[in-house]
Amino acid sequence: MHNVNDKKILRKEYKERIKQYTFYDLSMRTQKIIAHITSSPWYREKNILAFYSGTHHEVSLQDLFHQSLKAHKTALFPKYLGESNISFCKVHNEEDLEMGAFGIREPRKECEDVAIDGIDVFFVPGVCFDSFGNRLGSGLGCYDEALKKARKDALFIGVAYSFQLFPERLPTRTEDIPMHYVVTENASMKSKP
């Protein structure tokens, strides 16, 4: 049984889970996740996509980034500004990214900022998610702050491996923003109300 009230313990437990899987297994799971995303109607209909640069415990969206560029979609990546703030910048290729805060790749200074309310889809990383679209992130609050500024019709897509799904409702605060969908290698799931 999980102590759902202790986010630090949950973060540690779920970050450790990925170590049980081989690079090959994670790669196969990632390709299935990307297939679920690219076959979804919302992916085909939307054009301005906010990606993330994954850490070692998050699903890599690098292949999806390249596929999206080939499909003539606008690709954005977050840039950490400090104090739980991120901006999103247009990225045309891998060379537009450099090592930034927390050892995470982010857009170079010369990349163009795009207003958060101009983004159609936000791919959101997390340590774990539940079936209600709740997310346990890194604890900085950057995505929650950014998503508050998004358009009402923007989609928030949690991206995770199936072993990162929490079986109960995650503890939340009023400032936590739920996802509209959570995509794993098994399915693209609309969040429960």
Protein backbone atom coordinates (compact mmCIF):
# COMPACT_ATOMS: atom_id res chain seq x y z
CA MET A 1 0.00 0.00 0.00
CA HIS A 2 1.31 3.44 -0.88
CA ASN A 3 1.42 6.41 1.43
CA VAL A 4 -0.17 8.75 -1.11
CA ASN A 5 0.38 11.78 1.09
CA ASP A 6 4.16 11.63 0.87
CA LYS A 7 5.11 12.98 -2.55
CA LYS A 8 8.85 12.68 -1.85
CA ILE A 9 8.55 8.95 -1.23
CA LEU A 10 6.39 8.49 -4.33
CA ARG A 11 8.89 10.42 -6.46
CA LYS A 12 11.78 8.27 -5.25
CA GLU A 13 9.84 5.00 -5.70
CA TYR A 14 8.66 5.82 -9.23
CA LYS A 15 12.03 7.17 -10.37
CA GLU A 16 13.59 3.87 -9.27
CA ARG A 17 11.15 1.77 -11.29
CA ILE A 18 12.74 2.66 -14.62
CA LYS A 19 16.00 1.01 -13.53
CA GLN A 20 14.28 -2.39 -13.78
CA TYR A 21 14.00 -2.08 -17.56
CA THR A 22 16.60 -2.46 -20.29
CA PHE A 23 17.35 0.24 -22.84
CA TYR A 24 15.87 -2.01 -25.52
CA ASP A 25 12.62 -2.53 -23.58
CA LEU A 26 12.25 1.22 -22.94
CA SER A 27 12.94 1.94 -26.62
CA MET A 28 10.21 -0.48 -27.72
CA ARG A 29 7.78 1.05 -25.23
CA THR A 30 8.70 4.55 -26.41
CA GLN A 31 7.98 3.66 -30.05
CA LYS A 32 4.53 2.39 -29.05
CA ILE A 33 3.85 5.61 -27.15
CA ILE A 34 4.84 7.66 -30.17
CA ALA A 35 2.59 5.51 -32.39
CA HIS A 36 -0.37 6.17 -30.07
CA ILE A 37 0.34 9.89 -30.22
CA THR A 38 0.77 10.14 -33.99
CA SER A 39 -2.38 8.09 -34.66
CA SER A 40 -4.56 10.27 -32.43
CA PRO A 41 -6.94 12.79 -34.04
CA TRP A 42 -5.70 15.63 -31.83
CA TYR A 43 -2.11 15.11 -33.06
CA ARG A 44 -3.18 15.21 -36.71
CA GLU A 45 -5.34 18.33 -36.14
CA LYS A 46 -2.95 20.41 -34.02
CA ASN A 47 0.17 22.16 -35.31
CA ILE A 48 1.96 23.99 -32.49
CA LEU A 49 3.40 21.38 -30.15
CA ALA A 50 5.31 21.93 -26.91
CA PHE A 51 7.75 19.09 -26.29
CA TYR A 52 10.08 18.50 -23.34
CA SER A 53 13.65 17.26 -23.12
CA GLY A 54 13.37 14.11 -21.07
CA THR A 55 15.49 13.14 -18.11
CA HIS A 56 16.58 9.55 -17.54
CA HIS A 57 13.25 8.67 -15.85
CA GLU A 58 11.00 10.25 -18.50
CA VAL A 59 9.86 9.05 -21.92
CA SER A 60 12.05 10.46 -24.68
CA LEU A 61 10.11 12.37 -27.33
CA GLN A 62 13.13 12.87 -29.59
CA ASP A 63 11.73 10.65 -32.39
CA LEU A 64 8.32 12.34 -32.13
CA PHE A 65 10.05 15.73 -32.39
CA HIS A 66 11.70 14.65 -35.67
CA GLN A 67 8.46 13.16 -37.05
CA SER A 68 6.61 16.36 -36.18
CA LEU A 69 9.15 18.51 -38.00
CA LYS A 70 8.79 16.30 -41.09
CA ALA A 71 5.01 16.78 -40.83
CA HIS A 72 5.60 20.58 -40.90
CA LYS A 73 4.43 21.13 -37.33
CA THR A 74 5.92 23.85 -35.12
CA ALA A 75 8.04 22.34 -32.35
CA LEU A 76 8.66 24.17 -29.11
CA PHE A 77 10.79 23.30 -26.10
CA PRO A 78 10.76 24.77 -22.60
CA LYS A 79 13.47 27.07 -21.29
CA TYR A 80 13.87 27.36 -17.52
CA LEU A 81 13.70 30.97 -16.35
CA GLY A 82 13.98 30.34 -12.61
CA GLU A 83 11.42 30.60 -9.79
CA SER A 84 9.10 27.90 -11.24
CA ASN A 85 8.89 29.73 -14.58
CA ILE A 86 9.47 28.38 -18.07
CA SER A 87 9.03 29.88 -21.50
CA PHE A 88 8.61 27.96 -24.75
CA CYS A 89 10.83 28.57 -27.77
CA LYS A 90 10.66 27.45 -31.38
CA VAL A 91 13.19 24.74 -32.24
CA HIS A 92 13.98 23.79 -35.85
CA ASN A 93 16.54 21.02 -35.25
CA GLU A 94 18.71 19.35 -32.58
CA GLU A 95 21.35 22.08 -32.97
CA ASP A 96 18.87 24.60 -31.53
CA LEU A 97 19.12 22.80 -28.17
CA GLU A 98 21.93 23.11 -25.62
CA MET A 99 22.53 21.91 -22.08
CA GLY A 100 20.61 24.10 -19.67
CA ALA A 101 19.33 24.13 -16.12
CA PHE A 102 19.37 20.82 -14.21
CA GLY A 103 21.34 19.17 -17.05
CA ILE A 104 18.29 19.27 -19.33
CA ARG A 105 18.56 20.32 -22.97
CA GLU A 106 16.75 23.55 -23.72
CA PRO A 107 16.56 26.09 -26.56
CA ARG A 108 19.52 28.36 -27.28
CA LYS A 109 19.18 32.07 -26.51
CA GLU A 110 18.62 32.97 -30.15
CA CYS A 111 15.52 30.72 -30.44
CA GLU A 112 12.26 32.60 -30.81
CA ASP A 113 9.88 32.71 -27.83
CA VAL A 114 6.28 31.70 -28.50
CA ALA A 115 3.45 32.89 -26.27
CA ILE A 116 2.07 30.12 -24.07
CA ASP A 117 -1.46 30.97 -25.17
CA GLY A 118 -0.41 30.24 -28.76
CA ILE A 119 0.37 26.57 -28.09
CA ASP A 120 -2.05 23.83 -29.23
CA VAL A 121 -0.63 20.79 -27.40
CA PHE A 122 1.64 20.48 -24.37
CA PHE A 123 3.44 17.17 -23.90
CA VAL A 124 4.06 17.04 -20.18
CA PRO A 125 6.60 14.83 -18.41
CA GLY A 126 6.01 13.35 -15.00
CA VAL A 127 7.31 10.92 -12.46
CA CYS A 128 3.88 9.27 -12.40
CA PHE A 129 0.25 9.90 -13.38
CA ASP A 130 -3.13 8.59 -12.31
CA SER A 131 -6.26 7.81 -14.34
CA PHE A 132 -7.74 11.21 -13.44
CA GLY A 133 -4.92 13.01 -15.27
CA ASN A 134 -3.20 14.05 -12.06
CA ARG A 135 0.55 14.23 -12.29
CA LEU A 136 3.44 13.97 -9.90
CA GLY A 137 6.23 16.05 -11.42
CA SER A 138 9.69 17.00 -10.24
CA GLY A 139 8.28 19.29 -7.59
CA LEU A 140 9.32 22.65 -9.08
CA GLY A 141 5.83 23.58 -10.27
CA CYS A 142 7.06 24.87 -13.65
CA TYR A 143 4.48 23.07 -15.77
CA ASP A 144 1.59 23.93 -13.45
CA GLU A 145 2.53 27.62 -13.70
CA ALA A 146 2.87 27.48 -17.48
CA LEU A 147 -0.33 25.51 -18.09
CA LYS A 148 -2.36 28.10 -16.14
CA LYS A 149 -1.55 30.52 -18.97
CA ALA A 150 -2.61 28.17 -21.78
CA ARG A 151 -5.69 28.64 -23.94
CA LYS A 152 -8.85 26.87 -22.81
CA ASP A 153 -8.77 24.62 -25.90
CA ALA A 154 -5.10 23.64 -25.52
CA LEU A 155 -4.49 19.98 -24.78
CA PHE A 156 -2.30 18.73 -21.92
CA ILE A 157 -0.88 15.31 -22.69
CA GLY A 158 0.88 13.36 -19.95
CA VAL A 159 3.49 10.99 -21.38
CA ALA A 160 4.60 7.97 -19.35
CA TYR A 161 5.42 4.29 -19.35
CA SER A 162 2.66 2.02 -18.04
CA PHE A 163 4.72 1.27 -14.92
CA GLN A 164 4.50 5.00 -14.12
CA LEU A 165 0.72 4.86 -13.69
CA PHE A 166 -0.29 5.21 -10.07
CA PRO A 167 -3.16 2.85 -9.11
CA GLU A 168 -4.95 5.37 -6.87
CA ARG A 169 -5.74 9.07 -7.05
CA LEU A 170 -2.53 11.05 -6.57
CA PRO A 171 -2.43 13.72 -3.88
CA THR A 172 -3.06 17.12 -5.45
CA ARG A 173 -3.10 20.78 -4.51
CA THR A 174 -5.42 23.42 -5.92
CA GLU A 175 -2.62 24.75 -8.17
CA ASP A 176 -1.99 21.33 -9.79
CA ILE A 177 -3.21 21.17 -13.39
CA PRO A 178 -4.58 17.79 -14.58
CA MET A 179 -3.85 16.33 -18.00
CA HIS A 180 -6.55 15.80 -20.63
CA TYR A 181 -4.92 12.54 -21.76
CA VAL A 182 -2.20 10.25 -20.46
CA VAL A 183 -0.39 8.26 -23.16
CA THR A 184 1.51 5.06 -22.37
CA GLU A 185 2.71 2.21 -24.56
CA ASN A 186 -0.62 0.47 -23.91
CA ALA A 187 -3.07 3.24 -24.76
CA SER A 188 -3.94 6.90 -25.06
CA MET A 189 -6.33 7.38 -22.15
CA LYS A 190 -8.73 10.27 -21.72
CA SER A 191 -8.59 11.37 -18.10
CA LYS A 192 -11.53 10.53 -15.87
CA PRO A 193 -13.59 13.50 -14.67
